[in-house]
PDB file of N, CA and C in Angstrom:
ATOM      1  N   MET A   1     -13.611   1.398 -10.308  1.00  0.00           N
ATOM      2  CA  MET A   1     -13.367   0.034 -10.705  1.00  0.00           C
ATOM      3  C   MET A   1     -14.567  -0.813 -10.269  1.00  0.00           C
ATOM      4  N   PRO A   2     -15.070  -1.658 -11.145  1.00  0.00           N
ATOM      5  CA  PRO A   2     -16.196  -2.525 -10.772  1.00  0.00           C
ATOM      6  C   PRO A   2     -15.822  -3.454  -9.604  1.00  0.00           C
ATOM      7  N   LYS A   3     -16.809  -3.791  -8.791  1.00  0.00           N
ATOM      8  CA  LYS A   3     -16.574  -4.626  -7.610  1.00  0.00           C
ATOM      9  C   LYS A   3     -15.982  -5.979  -7.975  1.00  0.00           C
ATOM     10  N   ILE A   4     -16.412  -6.549  -9.087  1.00  0.00           N
ATOM     11  CA  ILE A   4     -15.871  -7.853  -9.477  1.00  0.00           C
ATOM     12  C   ILE A   4     -14.367  -7.752  -9.730  1.00  0.00           C
ATOM     13  N   ASP A   5     -13.923  -6.649 -10.316  1.00  0.00           N
ATOM     14  CA  ASP A   5     -12.489  -6.437 -10.541  1.00  0.00           C
ATOM     15  C   ASP A   5     -11.750  -6.298  -9.213  1.00  0.00           C
ATOM     16  N   GLU A   6     -12.339  -5.561  -8.281  1.00  0.00           N
ATOM     17  CA  GLU A   6     -11.720  -5.389  -6.962  1.00  0.00           C
ATOM     18  C   GLU A   6     -11.595  -6.740  -6.259  1.00  0.00           C
ATOM     19  N   ILE A   7     -12.613  -7.559  -6.372  1.00  0.00           N
ATOM     20  CA  ILE A   7     -12.578  -8.879  -5.745  1.00  0.00           C
ATOM     21  C   ILE A   7     -11.488  -9.739  -6.377  1.00  0.00           C
ATOM     22  N   LEU A   8     -11.402  -9.733  -7.688  1.00  0.00           N
ATOM     23  CA  LEU A   8     -10.367 -10.512  -8.369  1.00  0.00           C
ATOM     24  C   LEU A   8      -8.970 -10.017  -8.003  1.00  0.00           C
ATOM     25  N   MET A   9      -8.804  -8.711  -7.872  1.00  0.00           N
ATOM     26  CA  MET A   9      -7.506  -8.165  -7.473  1.00  0.00           C
ATOM     27  C   MET A   9      -7.132  -8.625  -6.063  1.00  0.00           C
ATOM     28  N   LEU A  10      -8.108  -8.671  -5.187  1.00  0.00           N
ATOM     29  CA  LEU A  10      -7.872  -9.142  -3.825  1.00  0.00           C
ATOM     30  C   LEU A  10      -7.492 -10.622  -3.821  1.00  0.00           C
ATOM     31  N   LEU A  11      -8.138 -11.399  -4.659  1.00  0.00           N
ATOM     32  CA  LEU A  11      -7.907 -12.843  -4.691  1.00  0.00           C
ATOM     33  C   LEU A  11      -6.665 -13.248  -5.472  1.00  0.00           C
ATOM     34  N   LYS A  12      -6.070 -12.333  -6.198  1.00  0.00           N
ATOM     35  CA  LYS A  12      -4.977 -12.725  -7.091  1.00  0.00           C
ATOM     36  C   LYS A  12      -3.697 -13.149  -6.376  1.00  0.00           C
ATOM     37  N   ASN A  13      -3.666 -13.047  -5.040  1.00  0.00           N
ATOM     38  CA  ASN A  13      -2.493 -13.544  -4.319  1.00  0.00           C
ATOM     39  C   ASN A  13      -2.551 -15.050  -4.114  1.00  0.00           C
ATOM     40  N   ASN A  14      -3.631 -15.678  -4.606  1.00  0.00           N
ATOM     41  CA  ASN A  14      -3.804 -17.126  -4.602  1.00  0.00           C
ATOM     42  C   ASN A  14      -3.881 -17.734  -3.203  1.00  0.00           C
ATOM     43  N   LYS A  15      -4.375 -16.954  -2.241  1.00  0.00           N
ATOM     44  CA  LYS A  15      -4.581 -17.445  -0.882  1.00  0.00           C
ATOM     45  C   LYS A  15      -6.076 -17.479  -0.597  1.00  0.00           C
ATOM     46  N   TRP A  16      -6.446 -18.249   0.436  1.00  0.00           N
ATOM     47  CA  TRP A  16      -7.842 -18.291   0.854  1.00  0.00           C
ATOM     48  C   TRP A  16      -8.217 -16.981   1.522  1.00  0.00           C
ATOM     49  N   HIS A  17      -9.404 -16.468   1.201  1.00  0.00           N
ATOM     50  CA  HIS A  17      -9.910 -15.228   1.786  1.00  0.00           C
ATOM     51  C   HIS A  17     -11.281 -15.478   2.387  1.00  0.00           C
ATOM     52  N   ASP A  18     -11.446 -15.006   3.601  1.00  0.00           N
ATOM     53  CA  ASP A  18     -12.711 -15.104   4.316  1.00  0.00           C
ATOM     54  C   ASP A  18     -13.701 -14.112   3.706  1.00  0.00           C
ATOM     55  N   LEU A  19     -14.970 -14.487   3.617  1.00  0.00           N
ATOM     56  CA  LEU A  19     -15.979 -13.605   3.024  1.00  0.00           C
ATOM     57  C   LEU A  19     -16.085 -12.283   3.775  1.00  0.00           C
ATOM     58  N   LYS A  20     -15.962 -12.329   5.090  1.00  0.00           N
ATOM     59  CA  LYS A  20     -16.020 -11.091   5.879  1.00  0.00           C
ATOM     60  C   LYS A  20     -14.880 -10.152   5.495  1.00  0.00           C
ATOM     61  N   GLU A  21     -13.695 -10.710   5.330  1.00  0.00           N
ATOM     62  CA  GLU A  21     -12.535  -9.912   4.906  1.00  0.00           C
ATOM     63  C   GLU A  21     -12.804  -9.236   3.562  1.00  0.00           C
ATOM     64  N   ILE A  22     -13.377  -9.981   2.632  1.00  0.00           N
ATOM     65  CA  ILE A  22     -13.645  -9.431   1.298  1.00  0.00           C
ATOM     66  C   ILE A  22     -14.664  -8.301   1.385  1.00  0.00           C
ATOM     67  N   THR A  23     -15.742  -8.512   2.144  1.00  0.00           N
ATOM     68  CA  THR A  23     -16.761  -7.461   2.248  1.00  0.00           C
ATOM     69  C   THR A  23     -16.175  -6.191   2.831  1.00  0.00           C
ATOM     70  N   GLU A  24     -15.257  -6.322   3.783  1.00  0.00           N
ATOM     71  CA  GLU A  24     -14.649  -5.144   4.406  1.00  0.00           C
ATOM     72  C   GLU A  24     -13.666  -4.448   3.473  1.00  0.00           C
ATOM     73  N   LYS A  25     -12.804  -5.211   2.817  1.00  0.00           N
ATOM     74  CA  LYS A  25     -11.773  -4.617   1.963  1.00  0.00           C
ATOM     75  C   LYS A  25     -12.333  -4.048   0.661  1.00  0.00           C
ATOM     76  N   VAL A  26     -13.355  -4.686   0.128  1.00  0.00           N
ATOM     77  CA  VAL A  26     -13.921  -4.256  -1.152  1.00  0.00           C
ATOM     78  C   VAL A  26     -15.106  -3.310  -0.940  1.00  0.00           C
ATOM     79  N   GLU A  27     -15.570  -3.254   0.308  1.00  0.00           N
ATOM     80  CA  GLU A  27     -16.722  -2.413   0.650  1.00  0.00           C
ATOM     81  C   GLU A  27     -17.938  -2.783  -0.188  1.00  0.00           C
ATOM     82  N   VAL A  28     -18.327  -4.034  -0.036  1.00  0.00           N
ATOM     83  CA  VAL A  28     -19.479  -4.572  -0.755  1.00  0.00           C
ATOM     84  C   VAL A  28     -20.341  -5.329   0.260  1.00  0.00           C
ATOM     85  N   SER A  29     -21.634  -5.309   0.045  1.00  0.00           N
ATOM     86  CA  SER A  29     -22.536  -6.034   0.955  1.00  0.00           C
ATOM     87  C   SER A  29     -22.354  -7.535   0.765  1.00  0.00           C
ATOM     88  N   ILE A  30     -22.693  -8.288   1.796  1.00  0.00           N
ATOM     89  CA  ILE A  30     -22.583  -9.744   1.708  1.00  0.00           C
ATOM     90  C   ILE A  30     -23.491 -10.293   0.616  1.00  0.00           C
ATOM     91  N   ASP A  31     -24.651  -9.686   0.416  1.00  0.00           N
ATOM     92  CA  ASP A  31     -25.561 -10.133  -0.644  1.00  0.00           C
ATOM     93  C   ASP A  31     -24.937  -9.959  -2.025  1.00  0.00           C
ATOM     94  N   LYS A  32     -24.361  -8.792  -2.253  1.00  0.00           N
ATOM     95  CA  LYS A  32     -23.727  -8.544  -3.547  1.00  0.00           C
ATOM     96  C   LYS A  32     -22.510  -9.444  -3.733  1.00  0.00           C
ATOM     97  N   LEU A  33     -21.733  -9.633  -2.664  1.00  0.00           N
ATOM     98  CA  LEU A  33     -20.570 -10.507  -2.745  1.00  0.00           C
ATOM     99  C   LEU A  33     -20.996 -11.926  -3.103  1.00  0.00           C
ATOM    100  N   GLU A  34     -22.022 -12.430  -2.451  1.00  0.00           N
ATOM    101  CA  GLU A  34     -22.493 -13.778  -2.743  1.00  0.00           C
ATOM    102  C   GLU A  34     -22.970 -13.898  -4.187  1.00  0.00           C
ATOM    103  N   HIS A  35     -23.589 -12.858  -4.699  1.00  0.00           N
ATOM    104  CA  HIS A  35     -24.031 -12.851  -6.104  1.00  0.00           C
ATOM    105  C   HIS A  35     -22.817 -12.920  -7.044  1.00  0.00           C
ATOM    106  N   ILE A  36     -21.802 -12.120  -6.766  1.00  0.00           N
ATOM    107  CA  ILE A  36     -20.583 -12.113  -7.593  1.00  0.00           C
ATOM    108  C   ILE A  36     -19.878 -13.458  -7.501  1.00  0.00           C
ATOM    109  N   LEU A  37     -19.767 -13.998  -6.286  1.00  0.00           N
ATOM    110  CA  LEU A  37     -19.095 -15.280  -6.115  1.00  0.00           C
ATOM    111  C   LEU A  37     -19.863 -16.409  -6.778  1.00  0.00           C
ATOM    112  N   SER A  38     -21.163 -16.313  -6.789  1.00  0.00           N
ATOM    113  CA  SER A  38     -21.979 -17.311  -7.481  1.00  0.00           C
ATOM    114  C   SER A  38     -21.660 -17.305  -8.978  1.00  0.00           C
ATOM    115  N   PHE A  39     -21.554 -16.119  -9.541  1.00  0.00           N
ATOM    116  CA  PHE A  39     -21.185 -15.981 -10.956  1.00  0.00           C
ATOM    117  C   PHE A  39     -19.800 -16.572 -11.215  1.00  0.00           C
ATOM    118  N   LEU A  40     -18.823 -16.196 -10.385  1.00  0.00           N
ATOM    119  CA  LEU A  40     -17.455 -16.673 -10.569  1.00  0.00           C
ATOM    120  C   LEU A  40     -17.365 -18.193 -10.394  1.00  0.00           C
ATOM    121  N   SER A  41     -18.140 -18.720  -9.479  1.00  0.00           N
ATOM    122  CA  SER A  41     -18.159 -20.165  -9.257  1.00  0.00           C
ATOM    123  C   SER A  41     -18.826 -20.899 -10.419  1.00  0.00           C
ATOM    124  N   GLU A  42     -19.903 -20.332 -10.934  1.00  0.00           N
ATOM    125  CA  GLU A  42     -20.614 -20.944 -12.061  1.00  0.00           C
ATOM    126  C   GLU A  42     -19.706 -21.132 -13.262  1.00  0.00           C
ATOM    127  N   TYR A  43     -18.795 -20.188 -13.468  1.00  0.00           N
ATOM    128  CA  TYR A  43     -17.889 -20.257 -14.612  1.00  0.00           C
ATOM    129  C   TYR A  43     -16.527 -20.840 -14.231  1.00  0.00           C
ATOM    130  N   ASP A  44     -16.460 -21.466 -13.051  1.00  0.00           N
ATOM    131  CA  ASP A  44     -15.280 -22.214 -12.606  1.00  0.00           C
ATOM    132  C   ASP A  44     -14.030 -21.333 -12.444  1.00  0.00           C
ATOM    133  N   PHE A  45     -14.224 -20.097 -11.975  1.00  0.00           N
ATOM    134  CA  PHE A  45     -13.112 -19.183 -11.754  1.00  0.00           C
ATOM    135  C   PHE A  45     -12.593 -19.223 -10.318  1.00  0.00           C
ATOM    136  N   ILE A  46     -13.423 -19.689  -9.383  1.00  0.00           N
ATOM    137  CA  ILE A  46     -13.035 -19.687  -7.976  1.00  0.00           C
ATOM    138  C   ILE A  46     -13.328 -21.034  -7.335  1.00  0.00           C
ATOM    139  N   GLN A  47     -12.656 -21.242  -6.200  1.00  0.00           N
ATOM    140  CA  GLN A  47     -12.917 -22.389  -5.343  1.00  0.00           C
ATOM    141  C   GLN A  47     -13.571 -21.860  -4.081  1.00  0.00           C
ATOM    142  N   LEU A  48     -14.609 -22.518  -3.632  1.00  0.00           N
ATOM    143  CA  LEU A  48     -15.240 -22.164  -2.374  1.00  0.00           C
ATOM    144  C   LEU A  48     -14.793 -23.162  -1.322  1.00  0.00           C
ATOM    145  N   GLY A  49     -14.386 -22.644  -0.160  1.00  0.00           N
ATOM    146  CA  GLY A  49     -13.928 -23.498   0.922  1.00  0.00           C
ATOM    147  C   GLY A  49     -15.078 -24.103   1.689  1.00  0.00           C
ATOM    148  N   LEU A  50     -14.740 -24.738   2.795  1.00  0.00           N
ATOM    149  CA  LEU A  50     -15.739 -25.383   3.645  1.00  0.00           C
ATOM    150  C   LEU A  50     -16.855 -24.419   4.009  1.00  0.00           C
ATOM    151  N   ASN A  51     -18.067 -24.899   3.915  1.00  0.00           N
ATOM    152  CA  ASN A  51     -19.264 -24.107   4.224  1.00  0.00           C
ATOM    153  C   ASN A  51     -19.353 -22.814   3.415  1.00  0.00           C
ATOM    154  N   GLN A  52     -18.607 -22.738   2.342  1.00  0.00           N
ATOM    155  CA  GLN A  52     -18.594 -21.569   1.456  1.00  0.00           C
ATOM    156  C   GLN A  52     -18.278 -20.272   2.207  1.00  0.00           C
ATOM    157  N   LYS A  53     -17.403 -20.350   3.197  1.00  0.00           N
ATOM    158  CA  LYS A  53     -17.015 -19.178   3.988  1.00  0.00           C
ATOM    159  C   LYS A  53     -15.665 -18.619   3.561  1.00  0.00           C
ATOM    160  N   LYS A  54     -14.972 -19.355   2.697  1.00  0.00           N
ATOM    161  CA  LYS A  54     -13.680 -18.898   2.185  1.00  0.00           C
ATOM    162  C   LYS A  54     -13.653 -19.110   0.680  1.00  0.00           C
ATOM    163  N   VAL A  55     -12.819 -18.313   0.035  1.00  0.00           N
ATOM    164  CA  VAL A  55     -12.759 -18.378  -1.423  1.00  0.00           C
ATOM    165  C   VAL A  55     -11.334 -18.090  -1.890  1.00  0.00           C
ATOM    166  N   LYS A  56     -10.972 -18.704  -3.004  1.00  0.00           N
ATOM    167  CA  LYS A  56      -9.703 -18.395  -3.670  1.00  0.00           C
ATOM    168  C   LYS A  56      -9.853 -18.686  -5.150  1.00  0.00           C
ATOM    169  N   LEU A  57      -8.939 -18.162  -5.932  1.00  0.00           N
ATOM    170  CA  LEU A  57      -8.983 -18.374  -7.374  1.00  0.00           C
ATOM    171  C   LEU A  57      -8.648 -19.815  -7.722  1.00  0.00           C
ATOM    172  N   LYS A  58      -9.243 -20.303  -8.788  1.00  0.00           N
ATOM    173  CA  LYS A  58      -8.852 -21.603  -9.334  1.00  0.00           C
ATOM    174  C   LYS A  58      -7.474 -21.424  -9.976  1.00  0.00           C
ATOM    175  N   PRO A  59      -6.661 -22.467  -9.982  1.00  0.00           N
ATOM    176  CA  PRO A  59      -5.303 -22.341 -10.527  1.00  0.00           C
ATOM    177  C   PRO A  59      -5.238 -21.777 -11.946  1.00  0.00           C
ATOM    178  N   HIS A  60      -6.166 -22.161 -12.818  1.00  0.00           N
ATOM    179  CA  HIS A  60      -6.103 -21.671 -14.203  1.00  0.00           C
ATOM    180  C   HIS A  60      -6.368 -20.163 -14.286  1.00  0.00           C
ATOM    181  N   LEU A  61      -7.240 -19.629 -13.445  1.00  0.00           N
ATOM    182  CA  LEU A  61      -7.488 -18.185 -13.471  1.00  0.00           C
ATOM    183  C   LEU A  61      -6.331 -17.436 -12.823  1.00  0.00           C
ATOM    184  N   PHE A  62      -5.773 -17.998 -11.765  1.00  0.00           N
ATOM    185  CA  PHE A  62      -4.598 -17.385 -11.136  1.00  0.00           C
ATOM    186  C   PHE A  62      -3.470 -17.269 -12.160  1.00  0.00           C
ATOM    187  N   LYS A  63      -3.219 -18.338 -12.895  1.00  0.00           N
ATOM    188  CA  LYS A  63      -2.166 -18.327 -13.917  1.00  0.00           C
ATOM    189  C   LYS A  63      -2.467 -17.285 -14.990  1.00  0.00           C
ATOM    190  N   PHE A  64      -3.703 -17.228 -15.432  1.00  0.00           N
ATOM    191  CA  PHE A  64      -4.113 -16.276 -16.457  1.00  0.00           C
ATOM    192  C   PHE A  64      -3.894 -14.834 -15.989  1.00  0.00           C
ATOM    193  N   LEU A  65      -4.350 -14.504 -14.782  1.00  0.00           N
ATOM    194  CA  LEU A  65      -4.188 -13.141 -14.262  1.00  0.00           C
ATOM    195  C   LEU A  65      -2.722 -12.782 -14.063  1.00  0.00           C
ATOM    196  N   THR A  66      -1.925 -13.750 -13.620  1.00  0.00           N
ATOM    197  CA  THR A  66      -0.490 -13.523 -13.434  1.00  0.00           C
ATOM    198  C   THR A  66       0.180 -13.230 -14.772  1.00  0.00           C
ATOM    199  N   GLU A  67      -0.162 -13.989 -15.799  1.00  0.00           N
ATOM    200  CA  GLU A  67       0.424 -13.780 -17.121  1.00  0.00           C
ATOM    201  C   GLU A  67       0.006 -12.438 -17.715  1.00  0.00           C
ATOM    202  N   ILE A  68      -1.236 -12.048 -17.517  1.00  0.00           N
ATOM    203  CA  ILE A  68      -1.686 -10.741 -18.003  1.00  0.00           C
ATOM    204  C   ILE A  68      -0.928  -9.629 -17.294  1.00  0.00           C
ATOM    205  N   GLN A  69      -0.765  -9.761 -15.980  1.00  0.00           N
ATOM    206  CA  GLN A  69      -0.043  -8.751 -15.219  1.00  0.00           C
ATOM    207  C   GLN A  69       1.397  -8.620 -15.727  1.00  0.00           C
ATOM    208  N   GLN A  70       2.053  -9.735 -16.006  1.00  0.00           N
ATOM    209  CA  GLN A  70       3.416  -9.694 -16.528  1.00  0.00           C
ATOM    210  C   GLN A  70       3.450  -9.061 -17.919  1.00  0.00           C
ATOM    211  N   LEU A  71       2.481  -9.386 -18.740  1.00  0.00           N
ATOM    212  CA  LEU A  71       2.396  -8.809 -20.081  1.00  0.00           C
ATOM    213  C   LEU A  71       2.187  -7.302 -20.010  1.00  0.00           C
ATOM    214  N   GLU A  72       1.353  -6.851 -19.081  1.00  0.00           N
ATOM    215  CA  GLU A  72       1.119  -5.412 -18.920  1.00  0.00           C
ATOM    216  C   GLU A  72       2.393  -4.697 -18.485  1.00  0.00           C
ATOM    217  N   LYS A  73       3.191  -5.327 -17.635  1.00  0.00           N
ATOM    218  CA  LYS A  73       4.463  -4.722 -17.209  1.00  0.00           C
ATOM    219  C   LYS A  73       5.403  -4.564 -18.393  1.00  0.00           C
ATOM    220  N   VAL A  74       5.509  -5.601 -19.210  1.00  0.00           N
ATOM    221  CA  VAL A  74       6.387  -5.565 -20.391  1.00  0.00           C
ATOM    222  C   VAL A  74       5.901  -4.497 -21.368  1.00  0.00           C
ATOM    223  N   THR A  75       4.607  -4.434 -21.574  1.00  0.00           N
ATOM    224  CA  THR A  75       4.037  -3.455 -22.498  1.00  0.00           C
ATOM    225  C   THR A  75       4.294  -2.039 -22.013  1.00  0.00           C
ATOM    226  N   SER A  76       4.151  -1.800 -20.707  1.00  0.00           N
ATOM    227  CA  SER A  76       4.366  -0.442 -20.187  1.00  0.00           C
ATOM    228  C   SER A  76       5.837  -0.052 -20.248  1.00  0.00           C
ATOM    229  N   ILE A  77       6.742  -1.012 -20.096  1.00  0.00           N
ATOM    230  CA  ILE A  77       8.175  -0.720 -20.172  1.00  0.00           C
ATOM    231  C   ILE A  77       8.573  -0.392 -21.615  1.00  0.00           C
ATOM    232  N   ASN A  78       8.014  -1.125 -22.564  1.00  0.00           N
ATOM    233  CA  ASN A  78       8.360  -0.925 -23.981  1.00  0.00           C
ATOM    234  C   ASN A  78       7.603   0.233 -24.607  1.00  0.00           C
ATOM    235  N   GLY A  79       6.603   0.754 -23.856  1.00  0.00           N
ATOM    236  CA  GLY A  79       5.845   1.922 -24.277  1.00  0.00           C
ATOM    237  C   GLY A  79       5.182   1.769 -25.571  1.00  0.00           C
TER     238      GLY A  79
END
């Protein structure tokens, strides 16, 4: 799974996540993480906390990912 997907999966609980936590759980370097977060921030997918040390999904992306997850569950049940 691409690192950006792993990061989004980690963030989909809609809580603030410390950058150190993300680097450890996703097993990505801080440089690569900052590059990915820069991309996500540029396209308004994430919120950066104070001093850019914490991150969480923007409400519209959280809603989108939640709806996709629910749709995937329905699709898998209906086969």
